[in-house]
């Protein structure tokens, strides 16, 4: 673990994108997709949302993230790993 001491600084890249990887249907996904809560997925689903509380953390895709300057395609791919 790195510790920052007084007078030191470190550049951070902060993505304003949240990755959501449900393995089981629940909550807003179930409502949005009409799937019964508790339904298990064959494979996890990767969803992204922007981190804008004012706009309701909208679901976005890789292209939206790129065009809104929230994340480069490479960064979106990294979030999917």
N, C-alpha and C. Protein backbone atom coordinates (compact mmCIF):
# COMPACT_ATOMS: atom_id res chain seq x y z
N UNK A 1 0.84 -1.18 0.00
CA UNK A 1 0.00 0.00 0.00
C UNK A 1 0.88 1.24 0.00
N UNK A 2 0.58 2.17 -0.88
CA UNK A 2 1.35 3.41 -0.93
C UNK A 2 0.79 4.42 0.06
N UNK A 3 1.68 5.11 0.72
CA UNK A 3 1.28 6.16 1.64
C UNK A 3 1.77 7.49 1.09
N UNK A 4 0.92 8.48 1.12
CA UNK A 4 1.32 9.82 0.68
C UNK A 4 1.71 10.63 1.91
N UNK A 5 2.89 11.20 1.87
CA UNK A 5 3.36 12.02 2.97
C UNK A 5 3.12 13.49 2.67
N UNK A 6 3.14 14.30 3.71
CA UNK A 6 2.93 15.74 3.55
C UNK A 6 3.86 16.28 2.48
N UNK A 7 3.30 17.06 1.57
CA UNK A 7 4.10 17.66 0.51
C UNK A 7 4.22 16.79 -0.72
N UNK A 8 3.74 15.55 -0.64
CA UNK A 8 3.80 14.69 -1.83
C UNK A 8 2.44 14.69 -2.51
N UNK A 9 2.44 14.34 -3.75
CA UNK A 9 1.18 14.27 -4.47
C UNK A 9 1.25 13.13 -5.47
N UNK A 10 0.09 12.68 -5.87
CA UNK A 10 0.01 11.60 -6.83
C UNK A 10 -1.15 11.89 -7.76
N UNK A 11 -0.91 11.80 -9.07
CA UNK A 11 -1.96 12.04 -10.04
C UNK A 11 -2.89 10.83 -10.08
N UNK A 12 -4.18 11.08 -9.98
CA UNK A 12 -5.16 10.02 -10.03
C UNK A 12 -6.07 10.24 -11.22
N UNK A 13 -6.38 9.18 -11.92
CA UNK A 13 -7.39 9.23 -12.98
C UNK A 13 -8.67 8.66 -12.38
N UNK A 14 -9.69 9.48 -12.33
CA UNK A 14 -10.95 9.06 -11.74
C UNK A 14 -11.97 8.92 -12.86
N UNK A 15 -12.55 7.73 -12.96
CA UNK A 15 -13.59 7.50 -13.95
C UNK A 15 -14.93 7.77 -13.29
N UNK A 16 -15.75 8.54 -13.96
CA UNK A 16 -17.07 8.83 -13.43
C UNK A 16 -18.07 7.84 -14.01
N UNK A 17 -17.65 6.58 -14.04
CA UNK A 17 -18.46 5.48 -14.55
C UNK A 17 -18.46 4.38 -13.50
N UNK A 18 -19.62 3.81 -13.27
CA UNK A 18 -19.74 2.70 -12.34
C UNK A 18 -19.99 1.44 -13.13
N UNK A 19 -19.25 0.40 -12.84
CA UNK A 19 -19.49 -0.91 -13.46
C UNK A 19 -20.35 -1.76 -12.53
N UNK A 20 -21.40 -2.35 -13.08
CA UNK A 20 -22.31 -3.18 -12.30
C UNK A 20 -22.30 -4.55 -12.96
N UNK A 21 -22.03 -5.60 -12.18
CA UNK A 21 -21.92 -6.94 -12.74
C UNK A 21 -22.81 -7.90 -11.95
N UNK A 22 -24.11 -7.86 -12.23
CA UNK A 22 -24.99 -8.78 -11.50
C UNK A 22 -24.90 -10.20 -12.05
N UNK A 23 -25.00 -11.18 -11.17
CA UNK A 23 -25.05 -12.58 -11.56
C UNK A 23 -26.47 -13.13 -11.37
N UNK A 24 -27.28 -12.34 -10.64
CA UNK A 24 -28.66 -12.71 -10.33
C UNK A 24 -29.53 -11.48 -10.54
N UNK A 25 -30.69 -11.67 -11.16
CA UNK A 25 -31.61 -10.55 -11.39
C UNK A 25 -32.16 -10.04 -10.06
N UNK A 26 -32.20 -8.71 -9.92
CA UNK A 26 -32.75 -8.10 -8.71
C UNK A 26 -33.04 -6.63 -8.97
N UNK A 27 -33.87 -6.05 -8.13
CA UNK A 27 -34.10 -4.61 -8.09
C UNK A 27 -34.46 -3.98 -9.41
N UNK A 28 -33.73 -2.91 -9.73
CA UNK A 28 -34.05 -2.12 -10.93
C UNK A 28 -33.87 -2.94 -12.21
N UNK A 29 -32.92 -3.88 -12.24
CA UNK A 29 -32.77 -4.72 -13.43
C UNK A 29 -34.04 -5.53 -13.66
N UNK A 30 -34.55 -6.14 -12.61
CA UNK A 30 -35.76 -6.96 -12.74
C UNK A 30 -36.94 -6.12 -13.22
N UNK A 31 -37.08 -4.92 -12.66
CA UNK A 31 -38.17 -4.04 -13.07
C UNK A 31 -38.00 -3.61 -14.52
N UNK A 32 -36.80 -3.21 -14.87
CA UNK A 32 -36.52 -2.70 -16.21
C UNK A 32 -36.69 -3.78 -17.28
N UNK A 33 -36.29 -5.01 -16.97
CA UNK A 33 -36.27 -6.08 -17.96
C UNK A 33 -37.43 -7.06 -17.83
N UNK A 34 -38.24 -6.91 -16.78
CA UNK A 34 -39.37 -7.82 -16.59
C UNK A 34 -38.95 -9.23 -16.23
N UNK A 35 -37.86 -9.33 -15.48
CA UNK A 35 -37.32 -10.62 -15.06
C UNK A 35 -37.58 -10.80 -13.56
N UNK A 36 -37.97 -12.00 -13.16
CA UNK A 36 -38.26 -12.28 -11.75
C UNK A 36 -36.98 -12.15 -10.90
N UNK A 37 -37.08 -11.44 -9.76
CA UNK A 37 -35.97 -11.36 -8.81
C UNK A 37 -35.48 -12.77 -8.48
N UNK A 38 -34.17 -12.92 -8.42
CA UNK A 38 -33.59 -14.21 -8.06
C UNK A 38 -33.25 -15.09 -9.25
N UNK A 39 -33.62 -14.66 -10.46
CA UNK A 39 -33.28 -15.42 -11.66
C UNK A 39 -31.76 -15.36 -11.86
N UNK A 40 -31.12 -16.53 -11.96
CA UNK A 40 -29.67 -16.58 -12.17
C UNK A 40 -29.36 -16.45 -13.66
N UNK A 41 -28.33 -15.67 -13.97
CA UNK A 41 -27.90 -15.50 -15.35
C UNK A 41 -26.92 -16.61 -15.72
N UNK A 42 -26.92 -17.00 -16.99
CA UNK A 42 -25.94 -17.98 -17.47
C UNK A 42 -24.54 -17.40 -17.36
N UNK A 43 -24.41 -16.12 -17.68
CA UNK A 43 -23.15 -15.39 -17.58
C UNK A 43 -23.45 -14.04 -16.94
N UNK A 44 -22.50 -13.50 -16.18
CA UNK A 44 -22.73 -12.17 -15.60
C UNK A 44 -22.99 -11.13 -16.69
N UNK A 45 -23.81 -10.15 -16.38
CA UNK A 45 -24.11 -9.05 -17.29
C UNK A 45 -23.31 -7.85 -16.82
N UNK A 46 -22.69 -7.16 -17.76
CA UNK A 46 -21.92 -5.95 -17.42
C UNK A 46 -22.75 -4.74 -17.81
N UNK A 47 -23.07 -3.91 -16.84
CA UNK A 47 -23.78 -2.65 -17.07
C UNK A 47 -22.88 -1.51 -16.60
N UNK A 48 -23.00 -0.37 -17.25
CA UNK A 48 -22.31 0.83 -16.82
C UNK A 48 -23.34 1.90 -16.53
N UNK A 49 -23.05 2.75 -15.55
CA UNK A 49 -23.87 3.94 -15.34
C UNK A 49 -22.94 5.11 -15.09
N UNK A 50 -23.44 6.30 -15.44
CA UNK A 50 -22.65 7.49 -15.11
C UNK A 50 -22.86 7.78 -13.63
N UNK A 51 -21.95 8.47 -13.03
CA UNK A 51 -22.02 8.74 -11.59
C UNK A 51 -22.62 10.12 -11.32
N UNK A 52 -23.69 10.44 -12.03
CA UNK A 52 -24.35 11.73 -11.86
C UNK A 52 -25.61 11.56 -11.02
N UNK A 53 -25.51 11.91 -9.74
CA UNK A 53 -26.68 11.82 -8.86
C UNK A 53 -27.81 12.72 -9.36
N UNK A 54 -27.43 13.89 -9.91
CA UNK A 54 -28.44 14.84 -10.39
C UNK A 54 -29.26 14.26 -11.53
N UNK A 55 -28.64 13.40 -12.35
CA UNK A 55 -29.32 12.84 -13.51
C UNK A 55 -29.78 11.40 -13.28
N UNK A 56 -29.67 10.92 -12.07
CA UNK A 56 -30.19 9.60 -11.74
C UNK A 56 -29.31 8.43 -12.12
N UNK A 57 -28.00 8.65 -12.23
CA UNK A 57 -27.06 7.57 -12.56
C UNK A 57 -27.58 6.72 -13.71
N UNK A 58 -27.70 7.34 -14.87
CA UNK A 58 -28.25 6.71 -16.07
C UNK A 58 -27.39 5.55 -16.55
N UNK A 59 -28.04 4.51 -17.08
CA UNK A 59 -27.31 3.43 -17.72
C UNK A 59 -26.71 3.94 -19.02
N UNK A 60 -25.46 3.61 -19.25
CA UNK A 60 -24.77 4.02 -20.47
C UNK A 60 -24.02 2.83 -21.02
N UNK A 61 -23.58 2.92 -22.28
CA UNK A 61 -22.73 1.88 -22.85
C UNK A 61 -21.33 2.45 -23.09
N UNK A 62 -20.45 1.62 -23.63
CA UNK A 62 -19.06 2.03 -23.85
C UNK A 62 -18.98 3.28 -24.72
N UNK A 63 -19.80 3.33 -25.76
CA UNK A 63 -19.76 4.47 -26.67
C UNK A 63 -20.21 5.76 -25.98
N UNK A 64 -21.24 5.69 -25.15
CA UNK A 64 -21.67 6.86 -24.39
C UNK A 64 -20.53 7.35 -23.51
N UNK A 65 -19.90 6.42 -22.79
CA UNK A 65 -18.81 6.79 -21.89
C UNK A 65 -17.70 7.50 -22.65
N UNK A 66 -17.37 7.00 -23.84
CA UNK A 66 -16.33 7.62 -24.66
C UNK A 66 -16.74 9.01 -25.10
N UNK A 67 -17.93 9.16 -25.65
CA UNK A 67 -18.38 10.44 -26.19
C UNK A 67 -18.64 11.48 -25.11
N UNK A 68 -18.95 11.04 -23.90
CA UNK A 68 -19.18 11.96 -22.79
C UNK A 68 -17.88 12.24 -22.02
N UNK A 69 -16.75 11.72 -22.55
CA UNK A 69 -15.44 11.86 -21.90
C UNK A 69 -15.44 11.34 -20.48
N UNK A 70 -16.16 10.25 -20.25
CA UNK A 70 -16.18 9.63 -18.92
C UNK A 70 -15.16 8.49 -18.83
N UNK A 71 -14.93 7.81 -19.94
CA UNK A 71 -13.97 6.71 -19.97
C UNK A 71 -13.61 6.40 -21.41
N UNK A 72 -12.34 6.13 -21.66
CA UNK A 72 -11.89 5.69 -22.98
C UNK A 72 -12.32 4.24 -23.17
N UNK A 73 -12.37 3.79 -24.41
CA UNK A 73 -12.77 2.40 -24.66
C UNK A 73 -11.87 1.41 -23.93
N UNK A 74 -10.59 1.73 -23.84
CA UNK A 74 -9.66 0.85 -23.13
C UNK A 74 -10.03 0.77 -21.65
N UNK A 75 -10.45 1.89 -21.08
CA UNK A 75 -10.83 1.91 -19.67
C UNK A 75 -12.13 1.13 -19.46
N UNK A 76 -13.08 1.25 -20.39
CA UNK A 76 -14.31 0.47 -20.30
C UNK A 76 -13.99 -1.02 -20.36
N UNK A 77 -13.07 -1.40 -21.26
CA UNK A 77 -12.68 -2.80 -21.38
C UNK A 77 -12.04 -3.29 -20.09
N UNK A 78 -11.25 -2.44 -19.46
CA UNK A 78 -10.61 -2.81 -18.18
C UNK A 78 -11.68 -3.02 -17.11
N UNK A 79 -12.72 -2.20 -17.09
CA UNK A 79 -13.79 -2.37 -16.11
C UNK A 79 -14.54 -3.68 -16.31
N UNK A 80 -14.56 -4.20 -17.53
CA UNK A 80 -15.26 -5.45 -17.83
C UNK A 80 -14.49 -6.67 -17.38
N UNK A 81 -13.19 -6.53 -17.10
CA UNK A 81 -12.37 -7.70 -16.69
C UNK A 81 -12.72 -8.16 -15.31
